[in-house]
Amino acid sequence: MTQQLPEYISEVAEGYKITLLKPLDIDGAKVSEIVMREPTVQDLLAAEMQAKSLGAAKQEIVMFANLCDVTPEQIQATTLRNYGRLQAAFKLFTD
Protein backbone atom coordinates (compact mmCIF):
# COMPACT_ATOMS: atom_id res chain seq x y z
CA MET A 1 0.00 0.00 0.00
CA THR A 2 1.31 3.45 -0.93
CA GLN A 3 1.62 5.94 1.90
CA GLN A 4 -0.50 9.09 1.59
CA LEU A 5 1.76 12.13 1.41
CA PRO A 6 0.90 15.47 3.00
CA GLU A 7 -0.16 18.09 0.42
CA TYR A 8 3.16 19.94 0.87
CA ILE A 9 5.33 16.91 -0.03
CA SER A 10 5.60 15.32 -3.47
CA GLU A 11 7.77 12.45 -4.60
CA VAL A 12 10.40 13.28 -7.24
CA ALA A 13 13.21 11.21 -8.77
CA GLU A 14 15.76 12.62 -6.28
CA GLY A 15 13.60 12.07 -3.17
CA TYR A 16 10.88 14.40 -1.88
CA LYS A 17 10.04 17.97 -2.87
CA ILE A 18 8.83 20.03 0.08
CA THR A 19 6.77 23.19 -0.37
CA LEU A 20 7.69 25.66 2.35
CA LEU A 21 5.22 27.97 4.08
CA LYS A 22 7.71 30.83 4.09
CA PRO A 23 10.46 31.05 1.45
CA LEU A 24 13.98 30.24 2.56
CA ASP A 25 16.79 32.66 1.66
CA ILE A 26 19.39 30.66 -0.28
CA ASP A 27 22.28 32.87 -1.37
CA GLY A 28 19.98 35.87 -1.82
CA ALA A 29 17.26 33.96 -3.68
CA LYS A 30 13.88 33.26 -2.09
CA VAL A 31 13.23 29.51 -2.40
CA SER A 32 9.72 28.20 -1.72
CA GLU A 33 10.41 24.54 -2.58
CA ILE A 34 13.31 22.38 -1.55
CA VAL A 35 14.24 18.81 -2.50
CA MET A 36 15.42 16.34 0.11
CA ARG A 37 17.28 13.36 -1.30
CA GLU A 38 17.14 9.93 0.29
CA PRO A 39 19.73 9.59 3.06
CA THR A 40 22.44 6.95 3.19
CA VAL A 41 24.14 5.41 6.19
CA GLN A 42 27.17 7.54 5.27
CA ASP A 43 25.00 10.67 5.61
CA LEU A 44 24.07 9.59 9.14
CA LEU A 45 27.71 8.98 10.08
CA ALA A 46 28.82 12.31 8.57
CA ALA A 47 26.13 14.21 10.51
CA GLU A 48 27.19 12.48 13.72
CA MET A 49 30.82 13.47 13.16
CA GLN A 50 30.03 17.09 12.20
CA ALA A 51 27.73 17.63 15.18
CA LYS A 52 29.78 15.57 17.64
CA SER A 53 28.86 16.48 21.23
CA LEU A 54 26.45 19.22 20.05
CA GLY A 55 23.30 17.19 20.60
CA ALA A 56 20.60 15.45 18.60
CA ALA A 57 18.97 18.66 17.33
CA LYS A 58 22.21 19.95 15.80
CA GLN A 59 22.87 16.52 14.27
CA GLU A 60 19.43 16.59 12.64
CA ILE A 61 20.03 20.11 11.29
CA VAL A 62 23.35 19.03 9.77
CA MET A 63 21.69 15.96 8.25
CA PHE A 64 18.82 17.96 6.71
CA ALA A 65 21.24 20.57 5.34
CA ASN A 66 23.29 17.86 3.66
CA LEU A 67 20.23 16.11 2.21
CA CYS A 68 18.75 19.39 0.91
CA ASP A 69 22.07 20.76 -0.41
CA VAL A 70 21.98 23.88 1.77
CA THR A 71 24.01 25.01 4.78
CA PRO A 72 23.14 24.22 8.40
CA GLU A 73 22.80 27.98 8.96
CA GLN A 74 20.14 28.18 6.24
CA ILE A 75 18.19 25.36 7.92
CA GLN A 76 18.54 27.10 11.29
CA ALA A 77 17.16 30.33 9.80
CA THR A 78 13.91 28.72 8.64
CA THR A 79 10.67 28.90 10.58
CA LEU A 80 9.68 26.14 12.96
CA ARG A 81 6.71 25.24 10.75
CA ASN A 82 9.01 24.86 7.73
CA TYR A 83 11.35 22.76 9.87
CA GLY A 84 8.42 20.52 10.78
CA ARG A 85 7.81 19.96 7.07
CA LEU A 86 11.45 18.92 6.63
CA GLN A 87 11.08 16.51 9.55
CA ALA A 88 7.93 15.03 8.00
CA ALA A 89 9.72 14.43 4.69
CA PHE A 90 12.71 12.86 6.44
CA LYS A 91 10.40 10.53 8.38
CA LEU A 92 9.06 9.19 5.08
CA PHE A 93 12.52 7.75 4.37
CA THR A 94 12.65 5.93 7.71
CA ASP A 95 9.15 4.43 7.92
PDB file of N, CA and C in Angstrom:
ATOM      1  N   MET A   1       0.842  -1.178   0.000  1.00  0.00           N
ATOM      2  CA  MET A   1       0.000   0.000   0.000  1.00  0.00           C
ATOM      3  C   MET A   1       0.890   1.246   0.000  1.00  0.00           C
ATOM      4  N   THR A   2       0.561   2.203  -0.824  1.00  0.00           N
ATOM      5  CA  THR A   2       1.310   3.446  -0.927  1.00  0.00           C
ATOM      6  C   THR A   2       0.891   4.395   0.187  1.00  0.00           C
ATOM      7  N   GLN A   3       1.880   5.009   0.816  1.00  0.00           N
ATOM      8  CA  GLN A   3       1.622   5.944   1.896  1.00  0.00           C
ATOM      9  C   GLN A   3       1.090   7.258   1.337  1.00  0.00           C
ATOM     10  N   GLN A   4       0.064   7.803   1.980  1.00  0.00           N
ATOM     11  CA  GLN A   4      -0.503   9.093   1.591  1.00  0.00           C
ATOM     12  C   GLN A   4       0.439  10.203   2.035  1.00  0.00           C
ATOM     13  N   LEU A   5       0.852  11.029   1.099  1.00  0.00           N
ATOM     14  CA  LEU A   5       1.763  12.131   1.409  1.00  0.00           C
ATOM     15  C   LEU A   5       0.985  13.382   1.792  1.00  0.00           C
ATOM     16  N   PRO A   6       1.529  14.177   2.717  1.00  0.00           N
ATOM     17  CA  PRO A   6       0.904  15.474   2.997  1.00  0.00           C
ATOM     18  C   PRO A   6       0.894  16.320   1.724  1.00  0.00           C
ATOM     19  N   GLU A   7      -0.016  17.280   1.635  1.00  0.00           N
ATOM     20  CA  GLU A   7      -0.156  18.094   0.421  1.00  0.00           C
ATOM     21  C   GLU A   7       1.097  18.913   0.105  1.00  0.00           C
ATOM     22  N   TYR A   8       1.948  19.135   1.080  1.00  0.00           N
ATOM     23  CA  TYR A   8       3.158  19.941   0.865  1.00  0.00           C
ATOM     24  C   TYR A   8       4.388  19.108   0.494  1.00  0.00           C
ATOM     25  N   ILE A   9       4.225  17.791   0.352  1.00  0.00           N
ATOM     26  CA  ILE A   9       5.329  16.908  -0.034  1.00  0.00           C
ATOM     27  C   ILE A   9       4.934  16.150  -1.290  1.00  0.00           C
ATOM     28  N   SER A  10       5.832  16.133  -2.267  1.00  0.00           N
ATOM     29  CA  SER A  10       5.605  15.321  -3.466  1.00  0.00           C
ATOM     30  C   SER A  10       6.865  14.513  -3.751  1.00  0.00           C
ATOM     31  N   GLU A  11       6.652  13.329  -4.281  1.00  0.00           N
ATOM     32  CA  GLU A  11       7.771  12.452  -4.604  1.00  0.00           C
ATOM     33  C   GLU A  11       8.355  12.859  -5.953  1.00  0.00           C
ATOM     34  N   VAL A  12       9.665  12.972  -6.008  1.00  0.00           N
ATOM     35  CA  VAL A  12      10.395  13.276  -7.239  1.00  0.00           C
ATOM     36  C   VAL A  12      11.518  12.249  -7.363  1.00  0.00           C
ATOM     37  N   ALA A  13      12.167  12.208  -8.524  1.00  0.00           N
ATOM     38  CA  ALA A  13      13.211  11.213  -8.767  1.00  0.00           C
ATOM     39  C   ALA A  13      14.311  11.259  -7.704  1.00  0.00           C
ATOM     40  N   GLU A  14      14.656  12.459  -7.232  1.00  0.00           N
ATOM     41  CA  GLU A  14      15.760  12.618  -6.278  1.00  0.00           C
ATOM     42  C   GLU A  14      15.370  12.301  -4.843  1.00  0.00           C
ATOM     43  N   GLY A  15      14.073  12.297  -4.540  1.00  0.00           N
ATOM     44  CA  GLY A  15      13.604  12.068  -3.171  1.00  0.00           C
ATOM     45  C   GLY A  15      12.230  12.674  -2.983  1.00  0.00           C
ATOM     46  N   TYR A  16      12.148  13.723  -2.130  1.00  0.00           N
ATOM     47  CA  TYR A  16      10.879  14.401  -1.885  1.00  0.00           C
ATOM     48  C   TYR A  16      11.046  15.910  -2.059  1.00  0.00           C
ATOM     49  N   LYS A  17      10.081  16.519  -2.738  1.00  0.00           N
ATOM     50  CA  LYS A  17      10.041  17.973  -2.874  1.00  0.00           C
ATOM     51  C   LYS A  17       9.098  18.503  -1.806  1.00  0.00           C
ATOM     52  N   ILE A  18       9.583  19.464  -1.031  1.00  0.00           N
ATOM     53  CA  ILE A  18       8.827  20.028   0.076  1.00  0.00           C
ATOM     54  C   ILE A  18       8.490  21.480  -0.258  1.00  0.00           C
ATOM     55  N   THR A  19       7.201  21.813  -0.188  1.00  0.00           N
ATOM     56  CA  THR A  19       6.766  23.195  -0.371  1.00  0.00           C
ATOM     57  C   THR A  19       6.794  23.868   0.992  1.00  0.00           C
ATOM     58  N   LEU A  20       7.532  24.952   1.089  1.00  0.00           N
ATOM     59  CA  LEU A  20       7.693  25.664   2.352  1.00  0.00           C
ATOM     60  C   LEU A  20       6.589  26.696   2.537  1.00  0.00           C
ATOM     61  N   LEU A  21       6.222  26.948   3.780  1.00  0.00           N
ATOM     62  CA  LEU A  21       5.221  27.974   4.078  1.00  0.00           C
ATOM     63  C   LEU A  21       5.784  29.370   3.866  1.00  0.00           C
ATOM     64  N   LYS A  22       7.031  29.549   4.251  1.00  0.00           N
ATOM     65  CA  LYS A  22       7.715  30.834   4.091  1.00  0.00           C
ATOM     66  C   LYS A  22       8.995  30.561   3.319  1.00  0.00           C
ATOM     67  N   PRO A  23       9.249  31.302   2.248  1.00  0.00           N
ATOM     68  CA  PRO A  23      10.457  31.048   1.450  1.00  0.00           C
ATOM     69  C   PRO A  23      11.730  31.120   2.292  1.00  0.00           C
ATOM     70  N   LEU A  24      12.674  30.295   1.917  1.00  0.00           N
ATOM     71  CA  LEU A  24      13.982  30.241   2.556  1.00  0.00           C
ATOM     72  C   LEU A  24      14.951  31.063   1.722  1.00  0.00           C
ATOM     73  N   ASP A  25      15.795  31.843   2.369  1.00  0.00           N
ATOM     74  CA  ASP A  25      16.786  32.655   1.664  1.00  0.00           C
ATOM     75  C   ASP A  25      18.018  31.796   1.401  1.00  0.00           C
ATOM     76  N   ILE A  26      18.238  31.455   0.135  1.00  0.00           N
ATOM     77  CA  ILE A  26      19.393  30.658  -0.277  1.00  0.00           C
ATOM     78  C   ILE A  26      20.260  31.538  -1.173  1.00  0.00           C
ATOM     79  N   ASP A  27      21.347  32.020  -0.622  1.00  0.00           N
ATOM     80  CA  ASP A  27      22.281  32.873  -1.369  1.00  0.00           C
ATOM     81  C   ASP A  27      21.583  34.056  -2.042  1.00  0.00           C
ATOM     82  N   GLY A  28      20.672  34.691  -1.311  1.00  0.00           N
ATOM     83  CA  GLY A  28      19.981  35.868  -1.819  1.00  0.00           C
ATOM     84  C   GLY A  28      18.715  35.588  -2.606  1.00  0.00           C
ATOM     85  N   ALA A  29      18.474  34.334  -2.952  1.00  0.00           N
ATOM     86  CA  ALA A  29      17.256  33.959  -3.685  1.00  0.00           C
ATOM     87  C   ALA A  29      16.224  33.411  -2.702  1.00  0.00           C
ATOM     88  N   LYS A  30      14.973  33.782  -2.908  1.00  0.00           N
ATOM     89  CA  LYS A  30      13.881  33.259  -2.086  1.00  0.00           C
ATOM     90  C   LYS A  30      13.413  31.939  -2.687  1.00  0.00           C
ATOM     91  N   VAL A  31      13.554  30.857  -1.932  1.00  0.00           N
ATOM     92  CA  VAL A  31      13.231  29.513  -2.402  1.00  0.00           C
ATOM     93  C   VAL A  31      12.010  29.014  -1.641  1.00  0.00           C
ATOM     94  N   SER A  32      10.948  28.656  -2.373  1.00  0.00           N
ATOM     95  CA  SER A  32       9.720  28.197  -1.721  1.00  0.00           C
ATOM     96  C   SER A  32       9.547  26.684  -1.787  1.00  0.00           C
ATOM     97  N   GLU A  33      10.416  26.011  -2.532  1.00  0.00           N
ATOM     98  CA  GLU A  33      10.407  24.543  -2.583  1.00  0.00           C
ATOM     99  C   GLU A  33      11.841  24.059  -2.447  1.00  0.00           C
ATOM    100  N   ILE A  34      11.986  22.942  -1.761  1.00  0.00           N
ATOM    101  CA  ILE A  34      13.313  22.377  -1.553  1.00  0.00           C
ATOM    102  C   ILE A  34      13.206  20.864  -1.718  1.00  0.00           C
ATOM    103  N   VAL A  35      14.228  20.257  -2.292  1.00  0.00           N
ATOM    104  CA  VAL A  35      14.236  18.805  -2.499  1.00  0.00           C
ATOM    105  C   VAL A  35      15.151  18.166  -1.469  1.00  0.00           C
ATOM    106  N   MET A  36      14.637  17.135  -0.822  1.00  0.00           N
ATOM    107  CA  MET A  36      15.424  16.337   0.115  1.00  0.00           C
ATOM    108  C   MET A  36      15.673  14.982  -0.531  1.00  0.00           C
ATOM    109  N   ARG A  37      16.946  14.655  -0.720  1.00  0.00           N
ATOM    110  CA  ARG A  37      17.279  13.355  -1.300  1.00  0.00           C
ATOM    111  C   ARG A  37      17.244  12.281  -0.218  1.00  0.00           C
ATOM    112  N   GLU A  38      17.176  11.029  -0.665  1.00  0.00           N
ATOM    113  CA  GLU A  38      17.142   9.927   0.294  1.00  0.00           C
ATOM    114  C   GLU A  38      18.489   9.802   0.997  1.00  0.00           C
ATOM    115  N   PRO A  39      18.474   9.689   2.328  1.00  0.00           N
ATOM    116  CA  PRO A  39      19.733   9.594   3.065  1.00  0.00           C
ATOM    117  C   PRO A  39      20.373   8.214   2.946  1.00  0.00           C
ATOM    118  N   THR A  40      21.679   8.205   3.126  1.00  0.00           N
ATOM    119  CA  THR A  40      22.439   6.955   3.187  1.00  0.00           C
ATOM    120  C   THR A  40      22.986   6.799   4.606  1.00  0.00           C
ATOM    121  N   VAL A  41      23.503   5.631   4.893  1.00  0.00           N
ATOM    122  CA  VAL A  41      24.144   5.412   6.188  1.00  0.00           C
ATOM    123  C   VAL A  41      25.331   6.367   6.333  1.00  0.00           C
ATOM    124  N   GLN A  42      26.046   6.604   5.242  1.00  0.00           N
ATOM    125  CA  GLN A  42      27.171   7.541   5.273  1.00  0.00           C
ATOM    126  C   GLN A  42      26.719   8.944   5.674  1.00  0.00           C
ATOM    127  N   ASP A  43      25.537   9.363   5.217  1.00  0.00           N
ATOM    128  CA  ASP A  43      25.004  10.670   5.613  1.00  0.00           C
ATOM    129  C   ASP A  43      24.807  10.733   7.128  1.00  0.00           C
ATOM    130  N   LEU A  44      24.286   9.659   7.697  1.00  0.00           N
ATOM    131  CA  LEU A  44      24.075   9.593   9.143  1.00  0.00           C
ATOM    132  C   LEU A  44      25.403   9.706   9.885  1.00  0.00           C
ATOM    133  N   LEU A  45      26.397   8.947   9.435  1.00  0.00           N
ATOM    134  CA  LEU A  45      27.712   8.978  10.077  1.00  0.00           C
ATOM    135  C   LEU A  45      28.362  10.359   9.952  1.00  0.00           C
ATOM    136  N   ALA A  46      28.234  10.975   8.786  1.00  0.00           N
ATOM    137  CA  ALA A  46      28.816  12.305   8.574  1.00  0.00           C
ATOM    138  C   ALA A  46      28.159  13.339   9.486  1.00  0.00           C
ATOM    139  N   ALA A  47      26.842  13.271   9.630  1.00  0.00           N
ATOM    140  CA  ALA A  47      26.134  14.212  10.505  1.00  0.00           C
ATOM    141  C   ALA A  47      26.557  14.013  11.954  1.00  0.00           C
ATOM    142  N   GLU A  48      26.731  12.759  12.361  1.00  0.00           N
ATOM    143  CA  GLU A  48      27.190  12.477  13.725  1.00  0.00           C
ATOM    144  C   GLU A  48      28.572  13.085  13.967  1.00  0.00           C
ATOM    145  N   MET A  49      29.459  12.941  13.010  1.00  0.00           N
ATOM    146  CA  MET A  49      30.817  13.467  13.164  1.00  0.00           C
ATOM    147  C   MET A  49      30.830  15.002  13.168  1.00  0.00           C
ATOM    148  N   GLN A  50      30.053  15.627  12.288  1.00  0.00           N
ATOM    149  CA  GLN A  50      30.033  17.094  12.203  1.00  0.00           C
ATOM    150  C   GLN A  50      29.418  17.734  13.440  1.00  0.00           C
ATOM    151  N   ALA A  51      28.439  17.061  14.030  1.00  0.00           N
ATOM    152  CA  ALA A  51      27.733  17.628  15.178  1.00  0.00           C
ATOM    153  C   ALA A  51      28.140  16.942  16.478  1.00  0.00           C
ATOM    154  N   LYS A  52      29.294  16.319  16.473  1.00  0.00           N
ATOM    155  CA  LYS A  52      29.776  15.574  17.636  1.00  0.00           C
ATOM    156  C   LYS A  52      29.676  16.426  18.898  1.00  0.00           C
ATOM    157  N   SER A  53      29.053  15.882  19.900  1.00  0.00           N
ATOM    158  CA  SER A  53      28.859  16.484  21.227  1.00  0.00           C
ATOM    159  C   SER A  53      27.990  17.748  21.219  1.00  0.00           C
ATOM    160  N   LEU A  54      27.317  18.044  20.112  1.00  0.00           N
ATOM    161  CA  LEU A  54      26.449  19.223  20.054  1.00  0.00           C
ATOM    162  C   LEU A  54      24.977  18.879  20.245  1.00  0.00           C
ATOM    163  N   GLY A  55      24.659  17.600  20.335  1.00  0.00           N
ATOM    164  CA  GLY A  55      23.297  17.188  20.604  1.00  0.00           C
ATOM    165  C   GLY A  55      22.543  16.709  19.378  1.00  0.00           C
ATOM    166  N   ALA A  56      21.413  16.067  19.650  1.00  0.00           N
ATOM    167  CA  ALA A  56      20.599  15.455  18.598  1.00  0.00           C
ATOM    168  C   ALA A  56      19.994  16.491  17.652  1.00  0.00           C
ATOM    169  N   ALA A  57      19.586  17.634  18.186  1.00  0.00           N
ATOM    170  CA  ALA A  57      18.972  18.660  17.330  1.00  0.00           C
ATOM    171  C   ALA A  57      19.971  19.174  16.296  1.00  0.00           C
ATOM    172  N   LYS A  58      21.189  19.453  16.725  1.00  0.00           N
ATOM    173  CA  LYS A  58      22.213  19.947  15.797  1.00  0.00           C
ATOM    174  C   LYS A  58      22.559  18.872  14.769  1.00  0.00           C
ATOM    175  N   GLN A  59      22.592  17.614  15.199  1.00  0.00           N
ATOM    176  CA  GLN A  59      22.866  16.520  14.267  1.00  0.00           C
ATOM    177  C   GLN A  59      21.786  16.452  13.195  1.00  0.00           C
ATOM    178  N   GLU A  60      20.528  16.616  13.596  1.00  0.00           N
ATOM    179  CA  GLU A  60      19.426  16.590  12.641  1.00  0.00           C
ATOM    180  C   GLU A  60      19.527  17.762  11.663  1.00  0.00           C
ATOM    181  N   ILE A  61      19.876  18.931  12.153  1.00  0.00           N
ATOM    182  CA  ILE A  61      20.034  20.111  11.292  1.00  0.00           C
ATOM    183  C   ILE A  61      21.122  19.875  10.256  1.00  0.00           C
ATOM    184  N   VAL A  62      22.246  19.329  10.688  1.00  0.00           N
ATOM    185  CA  VAL A  62      23.355  19.031   9.775  1.00  0.00           C
ATOM    186  C   VAL A  62      22.918  18.008   8.730  1.00  0.00           C
ATOM    187  N   MET A  63      22.180  16.990   9.162  1.00  0.00           N
ATOM    188  CA  MET A  63      21.691  15.958   8.245  1.00  0.00           C
ATOM    189  C   MET A  63      20.751  16.567   7.207  1.00  0.00           C
ATOM    190  N   PHE A  64      19.774  17.353   7.644  1.00  0.00           N
ATOM    191  CA  PHE A  64      18.825  17.963   6.712  1.00  0.00           C
ATOM    192  C   PHE A  64      19.534  18.886   5.729  1.00  0.00           C
ATOM    193  N   ALA A  65      20.491  19.657   6.215  1.00  0.00           N
ATOM    194  CA  ALA A  65      21.237  20.565   5.337  1.00  0.00           C
ATOM    195  C   ALA A  65      21.947  19.777   4.246  1.00  0.00           C
ATOM    196  N   ASN A  66      22.588  18.697   4.624  1.00  0.00           N
ATOM    197  CA  ASN A  66      23.293  17.856   3.658  1.00  0.00           C
ATOM    198  C   ASN A  66      22.325  17.264   2.635  1.00  0.00           C
ATOM    199  N   LEU A  67      21.201  16.759   3.101  1.00  0.00           N
ATOM    200  CA  LEU A  67      20.234  16.110   2.208  1.00  0.00           C
ATOM    201  C   LEU A  67      19.533  17.105   1.281  1.00  0.00           C
ATOM    202  N   CYS A  68      19.429  18.358   1.709  1.00  0.00           N
ATOM    203  CA  CYS A  68      18.753  19.389   0.909  1.00  0.00           C
ATOM    204  C   CYS A  68      19.736  20.285   0.160  1.00  0.00           C
ATOM    205  N   ASP A  69      21.017  20.004   0.285  1.00  0.00           N
ATOM    206  CA  ASP A  69      22.071  20.762  -0.405  1.00  0.00           C
ATOM    207  C   ASP A  69      22.041  22.253  -0.056  1.00  0.00           C
ATOM    208  N   VAL A  70      21.896  22.521   1.240  1.00  0.00           N
ATOM    209  CA  VAL A  70      21.976  23.880   1.768  1.00  0.00           C
ATOM    210  C   VAL A  70      22.909  23.844   2.981  1.00  0.00           C
ATOM    211  N   THR A  71      23.145  24.979   3.605  1.00  0.00           N
ATOM    212  CA  THR A  71      24.015  25.012   4.778  1.00  0.00           C
ATOM    213  C   THR A  71      23.198  24.799   6.056  1.00  0.00           C
ATOM    214  N   PRO A  72      23.845  24.323   7.122  1.00  0.00           N
ATOM    215  CA  PRO A  72      23.136  24.221   8.399  1.00  0.00           C
ATOM    216  C   PRO A  72      22.569  25.570   8.852  1.00  0.00           C
ATOM    217  N   GLU A  73      23.277  26.653   8.575  1.00  0.00           N
ATOM    218  CA  GLU A  73      22.800  27.984   8.957  1.00  0.00           C
ATOM    219  C   GLU A  73      21.502  28.342   8.227  1.00  0.00           C
ATOM    220  N   GLN A  74      21.375  27.918   6.990  1.00  0.00           N
ATOM    221  CA  GLN A  74      20.141  28.181   6.239  1.00  0.00           C
ATOM    222  C   GLN A  74      18.980  27.380   6.824  1.00  0.00           C
ATOM    223  N   ILE A  75      19.237  26.156   7.258  1.00  0.00           N
ATOM    224  CA  ILE A  75      18.189  25.363   7.917  1.00  0.00           C
ATOM    225  C   ILE A  75      17.813  26.028   9.238  1.00  0.00           C
ATOM    226  N   GLN A  76      18.799  26.465   9.999  1.00  0.00           N
ATOM    227  CA  GLN A  76      18.540  27.102  11.293  1.00  0.00           C
ATOM    228  C   GLN A  76      17.750  28.394  11.149  1.00  0.00           C
ATOM    229  N   ALA A  77      17.857  29.063  10.018  1.00  0.00           N
ATOM    230  CA  ALA A  77      17.162  30.333   9.803  1.00  0.00           C
ATOM    231  C   ALA A  77      15.705  30.152   9.391  1.00  0.00           C
ATOM    232  N   THR A  78      15.290  28.938   9.084  1.00  0.00           N
ATOM    233  CA  THR A  78      13.914  28.722   8.639  1.00  0.00           C
ATOM    234  C   THR A  78      12.951  28.761   9.825  1.00  0.00           C
ATOM    235  N   THR A  79      11.682  28.889   9.522  1.00  0.00           N
ATOM    236  CA  THR A  79      10.666  28.901  10.582  1.00  0.00           C
ATOM    237  C   THR A  79      10.477  27.494  11.141  1.00  0.00           C
ATOM    238  N   LEU A  80       9.922  27.428  12.324  1.00  0.00           N
ATOM    239  CA  LEU A  80       9.684  26.135  12.957  1.00  0.00           C
ATOM    240  C   LEU A  80       8.667  25.312  12.164  1.00  0.00           C
ATOM    241  N   ARG A  81       7.688  25.981  11.565  1.00  0.00           N
ATOM    242  CA  ARG A  81       6.712  25.238  10.754  1.00  0.00           C
ATOM    243  C   ARG A  81       7.368  24.663   9.502  1.00  0.00           C
ATOM    244  N   ASN A  82       8.258  25.416   8.865  1.00  0.00           N
ATOM    245  CA  ASN A  82       9.010  24.861   7.733  1.00  0.00           C
ATOM    246  C   ASN A  82       9.864  23.686   8.191  1.00  0.00           C
ATOM    247  N   TYR A  83      10.495  23.829   9.344  1.00  0.00           N
ATOM    248  CA  TYR A  83      11.347  22.762   9.871  1.00  0.00           C
ATOM    249  C   TYR A  83      10.522  21.492  10.113  1.00  0.00           C
ATOM    250  N   GLY A  84       9.307  21.664  10.591  1.00  0.00           N
ATOM    251  CA  GLY A  84       8.416  20.520  10.781  1.00  0.00           C
ATOM    252  C   GLY A  84       8.122  19.806   9.471  1.00  0.00           C
ATOM    253  N   ARG A  85       8.031  20.564   8.395  1.00  0.00           N
ATOM    254  CA  ARG A  85       7.812  19.960   7.074  1.00  0.00           C
ATOM    255  C   ARG A  85       9.039  19.157   6.640  1.00  0.00           C
ATOM    256  N   LEU A  86      10.230  19.668   6.934  1.00  0.00           N
ATOM    257  CA  LEU A  86      11.447  18.916   6.629  1.00  0.00           C
ATOM    258  C   LEU A  86      11.490  17.623   7.444  1.00  0.00           C
ATOM    259  N   GLN A  87      11.106  17.704   8.710  1.00  0.00           N
ATOM    260  CA  GLN A  87      11.075  16.509   9.553  1.00  0.00           C
ATOM    261  C   GLN A  87      10.080  15.481   9.015  1.00  0.00           C
ATOM    262  N   ALA A  88       8.935  15.948   8.552  1.00  0.00           N
ATOM    263  CA  ALA A  88       7.926  15.035   8.003  1.00  0.00           C
ATOM    264  C   ALA A  88       8.451  14.325   6.761  1.00  0.00           C
ATOM    265  N   ALA A  89       9.150  15.049   5.895  1.00  0.00           N
ATOM    266  CA  ALA A  89       9.721  14.434   4.691  1.00  0.00           C
ATOM    267  C   ALA A  89      10.795  13.419   5.069  1.00  0.00           C
ATOM    268  N   PHE A  90      11.656  13.774   6.004  1.00  0.00           N
ATOM    269  CA  PHE A  90      12.714  12.859   6.438  1.00  0.00           C
ATOM    270  C   PHE A  90      12.117  11.571   6.997  1.00  0.00           C
ATOM    271  N   LYS A  91      11.050  11.703   7.766  1.00  0.00           N
ATOM    272  CA  LYS A  91      10.402  10.533   8.376  1.00  0.00           C
ATOM    273  C   LYS A  91       9.902   9.558   7.310  1.00  0.00           C
ATOM    274  N   LEU A  92       9.527  10.064   6.155  1.00  0.00           N
ATOM    275  CA  LEU A  92       9.058   9.190   5.076  1.00  0.00           C
ATOM    276  C   LEU A  92      10.154   8.226   4.615  1.00  0.00           C
ATOM    277  N   PHE A  93      11.411   8.625   4.757  1.00  0.00           N
ATOM    278  CA  PHE A  93      12.519   7.752   4.372  1.00  0.00           C
ATOM    279  C   PHE A  93      12.781   6.666   5.408  1.00  0.00           C
ATOM    280  N   THR A  94      12.321   6.865   6.630  1.00  0.00           N
ATOM    281  CA  THR A  94      12.648   5.932   7.710  1.00  0.00           C
ATOM    282  C   THR A  94      11.488   5.033   8.120  1.00  0.00           C
ATOM    283  N   ASP A  95      10.315   5.269   7.586  1.00  0.00           N
ATOM    284  CA  ASP A  95       9.149   4.426   7.924  1.00  0.00           C
ATOM    285  C   ASP A  95       9.050   3.236   7.004  1.00  0.00           C
TER     286      ASP A  95
END
